[in-house]
Amino acid sequence: MKRFERTYSQGVVEVTEIWVDTETGVNYLWHNTGSAGGLTPLLDEEGKPVVTKKKPEL
């Protein structure tokens, strides 16, 4: 299983993506323009990290 999973992607030259850490469930926002980019935890309205609950394994 991959540690990080891309769950959202928008754009070609200017790219915005959301990645989820499959171990912790924490969501990260990645934004890239040209040769510059940045990664930050995605926060909710209270300033806490957005956490995706793990899917139950079958």
PDB file of N, CA and C in Angstrom:
ATOM      1  N   MET A   1       0.837  -1.176   0.000  1.00  0.00           N
ATOM      2  CA  MET A   1       0.000   0.000   0.000  1.00  0.00           C
ATOM      3  C   MET A   1       0.886   1.246   0.000  1.00  0.00           C
ATOM      4  N   LYS A   2       0.472   2.236  -0.763  1.00  0.00           N
ATOM      5  CA  LYS A   2       1.212   3.495  -0.825  1.00  0.00           C
ATOM      6  C   LYS A   2       0.969   4.311   0.438  1.00  0.00           C
ATOM      7  N   ARG A   3       1.988   5.031   0.876  1.00  0.00           N
ATOM      8  CA  ARG A   3       1.858   5.873   2.069  1.00  0.00           C
ATOM      9  C   ARG A   3       0.969   7.077   1.784  1.00  0.00           C
ATOM     10  N   PHE A   4       1.096   7.695   0.594  1.00  0.00           N
ATOM     11  CA  PHE A   4       0.296   8.860   0.237  1.00  0.00           C
ATOM     12  C   PHE A   4      -0.557   8.553  -0.982  1.00  0.00           C
ATOM     13  N   GLU A   5      -1.791   9.054  -0.955  1.00  0.00           N
ATOM     14  CA  GLU A   5      -2.725   8.831  -2.051  1.00  0.00           C
ATOM     15  C   GLU A   5      -3.291  10.170  -2.507  1.00  0.00           C
ATOM     16  N   ARG A   6      -3.215  10.443  -3.805  1.00  0.00           N
ATOM     17  CA  ARG A   6      -3.776  11.691  -4.337  1.00  0.00           C
ATOM     18  C   ARG A   6      -5.284  11.513  -4.465  1.00  0.00           C
ATOM     19  N   THR A   7      -6.049  12.425  -3.851  1.00  0.00           N
ATOM     20  CA  THR A   7      -7.505  12.321  -3.885  1.00  0.00           C
ATOM     21  C   THR A   7      -8.153  13.412  -4.718  1.00  0.00           C
ATOM     22  N   TYR A   8      -7.386  14.437  -5.115  1.00  0.00           N
ATOM     23  CA  TYR A   8      -7.927  15.536  -5.909  1.00  0.00           C
ATOM     24  C   TYR A   8      -6.803  16.168  -6.708  1.00  0.00           C
ATOM     25  N   SER A   9      -7.102  16.544  -7.957  1.00  0.00           N
ATOM     26  CA  SER A   9      -6.117  17.214  -8.787  1.00  0.00           C
ATOM     27  C   SER A   9      -6.828  18.184  -9.722  1.00  0.00           C
ATOM     28  N   GLN A  10      -6.264  19.383  -9.843  1.00  0.00           N
ATOM     29  CA  GLN A  10      -6.835  20.422 -10.704  1.00  0.00           C
ATOM     30  C   GLN A  10      -5.703  21.175 -11.378  1.00  0.00           C
ATOM     31  N   GLY A  11      -5.821  21.403 -12.688  1.00  0.00           N
ATOM     32  CA  GLY A  11      -4.854  22.214 -13.401  1.00  0.00           C
ATOM     33  C   GLY A  11      -3.783  21.405 -14.103  1.00  0.00           C
ATOM     34  N   VAL A  12      -3.057  22.111 -15.009  1.00  0.00           N
ATOM     35  CA  VAL A  12      -1.976  21.491 -15.764  1.00  0.00           C
ATOM     36  C   VAL A  12      -0.675  22.252 -15.518  1.00  0.00           C
ATOM     37  N   VAL A  13      -0.658  23.553 -15.836  1.00  0.00           N
ATOM     38  CA  VAL A  13       0.539  24.373 -15.598  1.00  0.00           C
ATOM     39  C   VAL A  13       0.573  24.825 -14.145  1.00  0.00           C
ATOM     40  N   GLU A  14      -0.553  25.249 -13.640  1.00  0.00           N
ATOM     41  CA  GLU A  14      -0.703  25.618 -12.229  1.00  0.00           C
ATOM     42  C   GLU A  14      -1.541  24.514 -11.591  1.00  0.00           C
ATOM     43  N   VAL A  15      -0.901  23.700 -10.758  1.00  0.00           N
ATOM     44  CA  VAL A  15      -1.528  22.486 -10.248  1.00  0.00           C
ATOM     45  C   VAL A  15      -1.844  22.611  -8.757  1.00  0.00           C
ATOM     46  N   THR A  16      -3.052  22.198  -8.393  1.00  0.00           N
ATOM     47  CA  THR A  16      -3.461  22.102  -6.997  1.00  0.00           C
ATOM     48  C   THR A  16      -3.917  20.673  -6.763  1.00  0.00           C
ATOM     49  N   GLU A  17      -3.372  20.033  -5.720  1.00  0.00           N
ATOM     50  CA  GLU A  17      -3.726  18.653  -5.418  1.00  0.00           C
ATOM     51  C   GLU A  17      -3.941  18.477  -3.925  1.00  0.00           C
ATOM     52  N   ILE A  18      -4.741  17.485  -3.577  1.00  0.00           N
ATOM     53  CA  ILE A  18      -4.898  17.077  -2.186  1.00  0.00           C
ATOM     54  C   ILE A  18      -4.385  15.660  -2.078  1.00  0.00           C
ATOM     55  N   TRP A  19      -3.491  15.451  -1.110  1.00  0.00           N
ATOM     56  CA  TRP A  19      -2.891  14.156  -0.846  1.00  0.00           C
ATOM     57  C   TRP A  19      -3.276  13.715   0.562  1.00  0.00           C
ATOM     58  N   VAL A  20      -3.543  12.434   0.747  1.00  0.00           N
ATOM     59  CA  VAL A  20      -3.899  11.896   2.058  1.00  0.00           C
ATOM     60  C   VAL A  20      -2.827  10.914   2.495  1.00  0.00           C
ATOM     61  N   ASP A  21      -2.351  11.095   3.721  1.00  0.00           N
ATOM     62  CA  ASP A  21      -1.424  10.146   4.339  1.00  0.00           C
ATOM     63  C   ASP A  21      -2.259   8.935   4.746  1.00  0.00           C
ATOM     64  N   THR A  22      -2.028   7.791   4.133  1.00  0.00           N
ATOM     65  CA  THR A  22      -2.870   6.618   4.389  1.00  0.00           C
ATOM     66  C   THR A  22      -2.669   6.026   5.781  1.00  0.00           C
ATOM     67  N   GLU A  23      -1.605   6.393   6.461  1.00  0.00           N
ATOM     68  CA  GLU A  23      -1.380   5.889   7.828  1.00  0.00           C
ATOM     69  C   GLU A  23      -2.063   6.751   8.878  1.00  0.00           C
ATOM     70  N   THR A  24      -2.023   8.079   8.705  1.00  0.00           N
ATOM     71  CA  THR A  24      -2.596   8.988   9.703  1.00  0.00           C
ATOM     72  C   THR A  24      -3.940   9.567   9.289  1.00  0.00           C
ATOM     73  N   GLY A  25      -4.237   9.578   7.987  1.00  0.00           N
ATOM     74  CA  GLY A  25      -5.472  10.166   7.480  1.00  0.00           C
ATOM     75  C   GLY A  25      -5.390  11.666   7.269  1.00  0.00           C
ATOM     76  N   VAL A  26      -4.259  12.303   7.615  1.00  0.00           N
ATOM     77  CA  VAL A  26      -4.108  13.748   7.472  1.00  0.00           C
ATOM     78  C   VAL A  26      -4.067  14.123   5.987  1.00  0.00           C
ATOM     79  N   ASN A  27      -4.819  15.183   5.624  1.00  0.00           N
ATOM     80  CA  ASN A  27      -4.875  15.686   4.252  1.00  0.00           C
ATOM     81  C   ASN A  27      -3.874  16.815   4.085  1.00  0.00           C
ATOM     82  N   TYR A  28      -3.200  16.834   2.929  1.00  0.00           N
ATOM     83  CA  TYR A  28      -2.224  17.868   2.612  1.00  0.00           C
ATOM     84  C   TYR A  28      -2.596  18.542   1.298  1.00  0.00           C
ATOM     85  N   LEU A  29      -2.391  19.850   1.233  1.00  0.00           N
ATOM     86  CA  LEU A  29      -2.624  20.627   0.025  1.00  0.00           C
ATOM     87  C   LEU A  29      -1.285  20.892  -0.637  1.00  0.00           C
ATOM     88  N   TRP A  30      -1.161  20.502  -1.905  1.00  0.00           N
ATOM     89  CA  TRP A  30       0.046  20.737  -2.698  1.00  0.00           C
ATOM     90  C   TRP A  30      -0.326  21.706  -3.801  1.00  0.00           C
ATOM     91  N   HIS A  31       0.452  22.792  -3.959  1.00  0.00           N
ATOM     92  CA  HIS A  31       0.229  23.734  -5.053  1.00  0.00           C
ATOM     93  C   HIS A  31       1.555  23.967  -5.750  1.00  0.00           C
ATOM     94  N   ASN A  32       1.531  23.933  -7.083  1.00  0.00           N
ATOM     95  CA  ASN A  32       2.736  24.049  -7.880  1.00  0.00           C
ATOM     96  C   ASN A  32       2.459  24.971  -9.058  1.00  0.00           C
ATOM     97  N   THR A  33       3.351  25.931  -9.269  1.00  0.00           N
ATOM     98  CA  THR A  33       3.312  26.823 -10.421  1.00  0.00           C
ATOM     99  C   THR A  33       4.719  26.893 -10.997  1.00  0.00           C
ATOM    100  N   GLY A  34       4.878  26.425 -12.237  1.00  0.00           N
ATOM    101  CA  GLY A  34       6.214  26.434 -12.842  1.00  0.00           C
ATOM    102  C   GLY A  34       7.175  25.591 -12.045  1.00  0.00           C
ATOM    103  N   SER A  35       8.295  26.191 -11.607  1.00  0.00           N
ATOM    104  CA  SER A  35       9.304  25.435 -10.854  1.00  0.00           C
ATOM    105  C   SER A  35       9.181  25.643  -9.347  1.00  0.00           C
ATOM    106  N   ALA A  36       8.104  26.299  -8.897  1.00  0.00           N
ATOM    107  CA  ALA A  36       7.907  26.530  -7.459  1.00  0.00           C
ATOM    108  C   ALA A  36       6.692  25.753  -6.975  1.00  0.00           C
ATOM    109  N   GLY A  37       6.769  25.261  -5.745  1.00  0.00           N
ATOM    110  CA  GLY A  37       5.647  24.520  -5.182  1.00  0.00           C
ATOM    111  C   GLY A  37       5.683  24.548  -3.673  1.00  0.00           C
ATOM    112  N   GLY A  38       4.569  24.164  -3.074  1.00  0.00           N
ATOM    113  CA  GLY A  38       4.513  24.136  -1.625  1.00  0.00           C
ATOM    114  C   GLY A  38       3.511  23.112  -1.132  1.00  0.00           C
ATOM    115  N   LEU A  39       3.765  22.580   0.048  1.00  0.00           N
ATOM    116  CA  LEU A  39       2.936  21.561   0.672  1.00  0.00           C
ATOM    117  C   LEU A  39       2.584  22.031   2.076  1.00  0.00           C
ATOM    118  N   THR A  40       1.321  21.892   2.463  1.00  0.00           N
ATOM    119  CA  THR A  40       0.887  22.292   3.805  1.00  0.00           C
ATOM    120  C   THR A  40      -0.270  21.409   4.232  1.00  0.00           C
ATOM    121  N   PRO A  41      -0.436  21.162   5.530  1.00  0.00           N
ATOM    122  CA  PRO A  41      -1.617  20.424   5.975  1.00  0.00           C
ATOM    123  C   PRO A  41      -2.882  21.221   5.621  1.00  0.00           C
ATOM    124  N   LEU A  42      -3.912  20.527   5.224  1.00  0.00           N
ATOM    125  CA  LEU A  42      -5.198  21.145   4.939  1.00  0.00           C
ATOM    126  C   LEU A  42      -5.930  21.302   6.265  1.00  0.00           C
ATOM    127  N   LEU A  43      -6.379  22.516   6.578  1.00  0.00           N
ATOM    128  CA  LEU A  43      -6.989  22.801   7.876  1.00  0.00           C
ATOM    129  C   LEU A  43      -8.490  23.037   7.748  1.00  0.00           C
ATOM    130  N   ASP A  44      -9.233  22.691   8.811  1.00  0.00           N
ATOM    131  CA  ASP A  44     -10.673  22.954   8.834  1.00  0.00           C
ATOM    132  C   ASP A  44     -10.924  24.363   9.380  1.00  0.00           C
ATOM    133  N   GLU A  45     -12.184  24.712   9.573  1.00  0.00           N
ATOM    134  CA  GLU A  45     -12.541  26.066  10.018  1.00  0.00           C
ATOM    135  C   GLU A  45     -12.061  26.387  11.432  1.00  0.00           C
ATOM    136  N   GLU A  46     -11.695  25.363  12.217  1.00  0.00           N
ATOM    137  CA  GLU A  46     -11.178  25.580  13.564  1.00  0.00           C
ATOM    138  C   GLU A  46      -9.645  25.575  13.599  1.00  0.00           C
ATOM    139  N   GLY A  47      -9.018  25.413  12.430  1.00  0.00           N
ATOM    140  CA  GLY A  47      -7.560  25.396  12.361  1.00  0.00           C
ATOM    141  C   GLY A  47      -6.937  24.046  12.653  1.00  0.00           C
ATOM    142  N   LYS A  48      -7.774  23.004  12.715  1.00  0.00           N
ATOM    143  CA  LYS A  48      -7.272  21.648  12.958  1.00  0.00           C
ATOM    144  C   LYS A  48      -7.083  20.933  11.630  1.00  0.00           C
ATOM    145  N   PRO A  49      -6.125  20.010  11.548  1.00  0.00           N
ATOM    146  CA  PRO A  49      -5.915  19.276  10.299  1.00  0.00           C
ATOM    147  C   PRO A  49      -7.154  18.482   9.888  1.00  0.00           C
ATOM    148  N   VAL A  50      -7.424  18.467   8.584  1.00  0.00           N
ATOM    149  CA  VAL A  50      -8.509  17.647   8.053  1.00  0.00           C
ATOM    150  C   VAL A  50      -8.009  16.218   8.024  1.00  0.00           C
ATOM    151  N   VAL A  51      -8.786  15.306   8.624  1.00  0.00           N
ATOM    152  CA  VAL A  51      -8.399  13.910   8.699  1.00  0.00           C
ATOM    153  C   VAL A  51      -9.469  13.063   8.012  1.00  0.00           C
ATOM    154  N   THR A  52      -9.034  12.243   7.059  1.00  0.00           N
ATOM    155  CA  THR A  52      -9.926  11.315   6.382  1.00  0.00           C
ATOM    156  C   THR A  52      -9.891   9.997   7.137  1.00  0.00           C
ATOM    157  N   LYS A  53     -11.064   9.525   7.527  1.00  0.00           N
ATOM    158  CA  LYS A  53     -11.120   8.248   8.243  1.00  0.00           C
ATOM    159  C   LYS A  53     -10.757   7.113   7.303  1.00  0.00           C
ATOM    160  N   LYS A  54     -10.044   6.138   7.838  1.00  0.00           N
ATOM    161  CA  LYS A  54      -9.631   4.988   7.038  1.00  0.00           C
ATOM    162  C   LYS A  54     -10.849   4.155   6.669  1.00  0.00           C
ATOM    163  N   LYS A  55     -10.808   3.607   5.451  1.00  0.00           N
ATOM    164  CA  LYS A  55     -11.859   2.710   4.994  1.00  0.00           C
ATOM    165  C   LYS A  55     -11.655   1.362   5.667  1.00  0.00           C
ATOM    166  N   PRO A  56     -12.738   0.745   6.115  1.00  0.00           N
ATOM    167  CA  PRO A  56     -12.577  -0.583   6.734  1.00  0.00           C
ATOM    168  C   PRO A  56     -12.098  -1.585   5.693  1.00  0.00           C
ATOM    169  N   GLU A  57     -11.146  -2.429   6.091  1.00  0.00           N
ATOM    170  CA  GLU A  57     -10.633  -3.451   5.189  1.00  0.00           C
ATOM    171  C   GLU A  57     -11.598  -4.624   5.144  1.00  0.00           C
ATOM    172  N   LEU A  58     -11.758  -5.171   3.968  1.00  0.00           N
ATOM    173  CA  LEU A  58     -12.677  -6.299   3.795  1.00  0.00           C
ATOM    174  C   LEU A  58     -11.977  -7.623   3.991  1.00  0.00           C
TER     175      LEU A  58
END
